[in-house]
Amino acid sequence: MNSINKFFKEESGQGAAEYILLFGGVIVIALLALTIYRSYMETSDRSLKAKDDIIDVRNTILHNRTHV
């Protein structure tokens, strides 16, 4: 009977279980964020291209410098 009480009072694996739950929660949140981000990108009106955005920014800056 004494060994059964020791078994139920044992807390050495509790920390590992808490870390597993914590990391599982982080993974679930990351997957939800990626799913929302993906659906947002698929429904955008135009495709987002970094190269085109950089060219637009450079052209705007050059245009503003010449008209000041």
N, C-alpha and C. Protein backbone atom coordinates (compact mmCIF):
# COMPACT_ATOMS: atom_id res chain seq x y z
N MET A 1 0.83 -1.19 0.00
CA MET A 1 0.00 0.00 0.00
C MET A 1 0.87 1.25 0.00
N ASN A 2 2.00 1.18 0.68
CA ASN A 2 2.89 2.32 0.75
C ASN A 2 3.48 2.65 -0.62
N SER A 3 3.79 1.63 -1.42
CA SER A 3 4.35 1.87 -2.75
C SER A 3 3.32 2.48 -3.69
N ILE A 4 2.04 2.19 -3.50
CA ILE A 4 0.99 2.80 -4.31
C ILE A 4 0.87 4.29 -4.01
N ASN A 5 0.97 4.64 -2.75
CA ASN A 5 0.93 6.06 -2.37
C ASN A 5 2.13 6.81 -2.94
N LYS A 6 3.30 6.17 -2.92
CA LYS A 6 4.48 6.80 -3.52
C LYS A 6 4.29 7.03 -5.01
N PHE A 7 3.66 6.05 -5.67
CA PHE A 7 3.44 6.16 -7.11
C PHE A 7 2.55 7.37 -7.45
N PHE A 8 1.50 7.59 -6.70
CA PHE A 8 0.59 8.69 -6.98
C PHE A 8 1.15 10.04 -6.55
N LYS A 9 2.10 10.06 -5.64
CA LYS A 9 2.70 11.31 -5.20
C LYS A 9 3.96 11.66 -6.00
N GLU A 10 4.40 10.76 -6.83
CA GLU A 10 5.60 10.98 -7.64
C GLU A 10 5.34 12.09 -8.65
N GLU A 11 6.23 13.09 -8.71
CA GLU A 11 6.06 14.24 -9.60
C GLU A 11 7.25 14.45 -10.53
N SER A 12 8.10 13.46 -10.69
CA SER A 12 9.31 13.66 -11.49
C SER A 12 9.00 13.81 -12.98
N GLY A 13 7.94 13.20 -13.48
CA GLY A 13 7.60 13.31 -14.89
C GLY A 13 6.68 14.47 -15.20
N GLN A 14 6.30 15.20 -14.18
CA GLN A 14 5.35 16.30 -14.37
C GLN A 14 5.94 17.40 -15.23
N GLY A 15 7.18 17.74 -15.04
CA GLY A 15 7.81 18.80 -15.82
C GLY A 15 7.88 18.46 -17.29
N ALA A 16 8.20 17.22 -17.60
CA ALA A 16 8.27 16.80 -19.00
C ALA A 16 6.89 16.88 -19.65
N ALA A 17 5.88 16.46 -18.94
CA ALA A 17 4.53 16.52 -19.48
C ALA A 17 4.09 17.96 -19.72
N GLU A 18 4.47 18.86 -18.83
CA GLU A 18 4.12 20.27 -19.01
C GLU A 18 4.83 20.85 -20.23
N TYR A 19 6.09 20.48 -20.44
CA TYR A 19 6.81 20.96 -21.63
C TYR A 19 6.17 20.40 -22.91
N ILE A 20 5.76 19.16 -22.89
CA ILE A 20 5.10 18.58 -24.07
C ILE A 20 3.81 19.32 -24.38
N LEU A 21 3.02 19.62 -23.36
CA LEU A 21 1.79 20.38 -23.57
C LEU A 21 2.07 21.79 -24.07
N LEU A 22 3.11 22.42 -23.52
CA LEU A 22 3.47 23.78 -23.94
C LEU A 22 3.89 23.79 -25.41
N PHE A 23 4.79 22.89 -25.79
CA PHE A 23 5.24 22.84 -27.17
C PHE A 23 4.11 22.45 -28.12
N GLY A 24 3.24 21.58 -27.68
CA GLY A 24 2.08 21.22 -28.49
C GLY A 24 1.18 22.42 -28.74
N GLY A 25 0.97 23.22 -27.71
CA GLY A 25 0.17 24.44 -27.86
C GLY A 25 0.81 25.43 -28.82
N VAL A 26 2.12 25.59 -28.73
CA VAL A 26 2.84 26.49 -29.64
C VAL A 26 2.72 25.99 -31.08
N ILE A 27 2.84 24.70 -31.28
CA ILE A 27 2.72 24.14 -32.63
C ILE A 27 1.32 24.36 -33.18
N VAL A 28 0.31 24.16 -32.37
CA VAL A 28 -1.07 24.37 -32.83
C VAL A 28 -1.28 25.83 -33.22
N ILE A 29 -0.79 26.76 -32.42
CA ILE A 29 -0.94 28.19 -32.73
C ILE A 29 -0.20 28.54 -34.01
N ALA A 30 1.01 27.99 -34.19
CA ALA A 30 1.78 28.26 -35.41
C ALA A 30 1.06 27.71 -36.64
N LEU A 31 0.48 26.52 -36.54
CA LEU A 31 -0.25 25.96 -37.67
C LEU A 31 -1.49 26.78 -38.00
N LEU A 32 -2.18 27.25 -36.99
CA LEU A 32 -3.34 28.11 -37.24
C LEU A 32 -2.93 29.41 -37.92
N ALA A 33 -1.83 30.00 -37.46
CA ALA A 33 -1.35 31.24 -38.07
C ALA A 33 -0.95 31.02 -39.52
N LEU A 34 -0.28 29.92 -39.80
CA LEU A 34 0.10 29.63 -41.18
C LEU A 34 -1.12 29.38 -42.06
N THR A 35 -2.13 28.73 -41.53
CA THR A 35 -3.35 28.49 -42.29
C THR A 35 -4.06 29.79 -42.61
N ILE A 36 -4.16 30.68 -41.63
CA ILE A 36 -4.79 31.98 -41.85
C ILE A 36 -3.97 32.79 -42.85
N TYR A 37 -2.67 32.78 -42.72
CA TYR A 37 -1.79 33.52 -43.63
C TYR A 37 -1.93 32.98 -45.05
N ARG A 38 -1.98 31.67 -45.19
CA ARG A 38 -2.11 31.05 -46.52
C ARG A 38 -3.44 31.42 -47.16
N SER A 39 -4.52 31.35 -46.40
CA SER A 39 -5.83 31.70 -46.97
C SER A 39 -5.87 33.18 -47.32
N TYR A 40 -5.20 34.02 -46.56
CA TYR A 40 -5.14 35.46 -46.87
C TYR A 40 -4.40 35.68 -48.18
N MET A 41 -3.29 34.99 -48.37
CA MET A 41 -2.50 35.16 -49.59
C MET A 41 -3.24 34.63 -50.81
N GLU A 42 -3.98 33.56 -50.67
CA GLU A 42 -4.71 33.00 -51.80
C GLU A 42 -5.87 33.89 -52.24
N THR A 43 -6.43 34.67 -51.33
CA THR A 43 -7.57 35.52 -51.67
C THR A 43 -7.17 36.95 -51.98
N SER A 44 -5.88 37.26 -51.99
CA SER A 44 -5.47 38.62 -52.31
C SER A 44 -5.74 38.90 -53.78
N ASP A 45 -6.00 40.16 -54.10
CA ASP A 45 -6.38 40.55 -55.46
C ASP A 45 -5.26 40.35 -56.46
N ARG A 46 -4.06 40.65 -56.05
CA ARG A 46 -2.93 40.48 -56.96
C ARG A 46 -1.85 39.69 -56.25
N SER A 47 -1.02 39.07 -57.04
CA SER A 47 0.05 38.30 -56.42
C SER A 47 1.08 39.24 -55.83
N LEU A 48 1.63 38.87 -54.72
CA LEU A 48 2.61 39.70 -54.04
C LEU A 48 4.00 39.23 -54.44
N LYS A 49 4.74 40.14 -55.06
CA LYS A 49 6.09 39.80 -55.48
C LYS A 49 7.03 40.85 -54.91
N ALA A 50 7.99 40.41 -54.16
CA ALA A 50 8.92 41.32 -53.49
C ALA A 50 9.73 42.12 -54.51
N LYS A 51 10.11 41.48 -55.60
CA LYS A 51 10.92 42.16 -56.61
C LYS A 51 10.15 43.35 -57.19
N ASP A 52 8.89 43.15 -57.53
CA ASP A 52 8.08 44.24 -58.08
C ASP A 52 7.87 45.34 -57.05
N ASP A 53 7.68 44.97 -55.79
CA ASP A 53 7.50 45.97 -54.74
C ASP A 53 8.75 46.82 -54.56
N ILE A 54 9.92 46.20 -54.61
CA ILE A 54 11.17 46.95 -54.46
C ILE A 54 11.35 47.92 -55.62
N ILE A 55 11.04 47.47 -56.82
CA ILE A 55 11.16 48.34 -58.00
C ILE A 55 10.20 49.52 -57.87
N ASP A 56 8.97 49.27 -57.43
CA ASP A 56 8.00 50.35 -57.25
C ASP A 56 8.48 51.37 -56.22
N VAL A 57 9.04 50.90 -55.12
CA VAL A 57 9.54 51.80 -54.08
C VAL A 57 10.70 52.63 -54.62
N ARG A 58 11.63 52.00 -55.31
CA ARG A 58 12.76 52.74 -55.88
C ARG A 58 12.30 53.79 -56.88
N ASN A 59 11.36 53.43 -57.74
CA ASN A 59 10.85 54.39 -58.71
C ASN A 59 10.15 55.56 -58.05
N THR A 60 9.39 55.28 -57.00
CA THR A 60 8.70 56.34 -56.27
C THR A 60 9.69 57.28 -55.61
N ILE A 61 10.74 56.73 -55.01
CA ILE A 61 11.76 57.57 -54.37
C ILE A 61 12.46 58.42 -55.40
N LEU A 62 12.84 57.82 -56.53
CA LEU A 62 13.50 58.59 -57.59
C LEU A 62 12.60 59.66 -58.15
N HIS A 63 11.34 59.34 -58.31
CA HIS A 63 10.36 60.32 -58.82
C HIS A 63 10.21 61.48 -57.84
N ASN A 64 10.15 61.20 -56.57
CA ASN A 64 10.00 62.26 -55.56
C ASN A 64 11.25 63.13 -55.46
N ARG A 65 12.43 62.54 -55.65
CA ARG A 65 13.67 63.33 -55.60
C ARG A 65 13.77 64.30 -56.76
N THR A 66 13.30 63.90 -57.90
CA THR A 66 13.44 64.76 -59.08
C THR A 66 12.40 65.88 -59.08
N HIS A 67 11.32 65.74 -58.33
CA HIS A 67 10.27 66.76 -58.32
C HIS A 67 10.31 67.66 -57.10
N VAL A 68 11.35 67.59 -56.33
CA VAL A 68 11.44 68.44 -55.13
C VAL A 68 12.18 69.69 -55.44
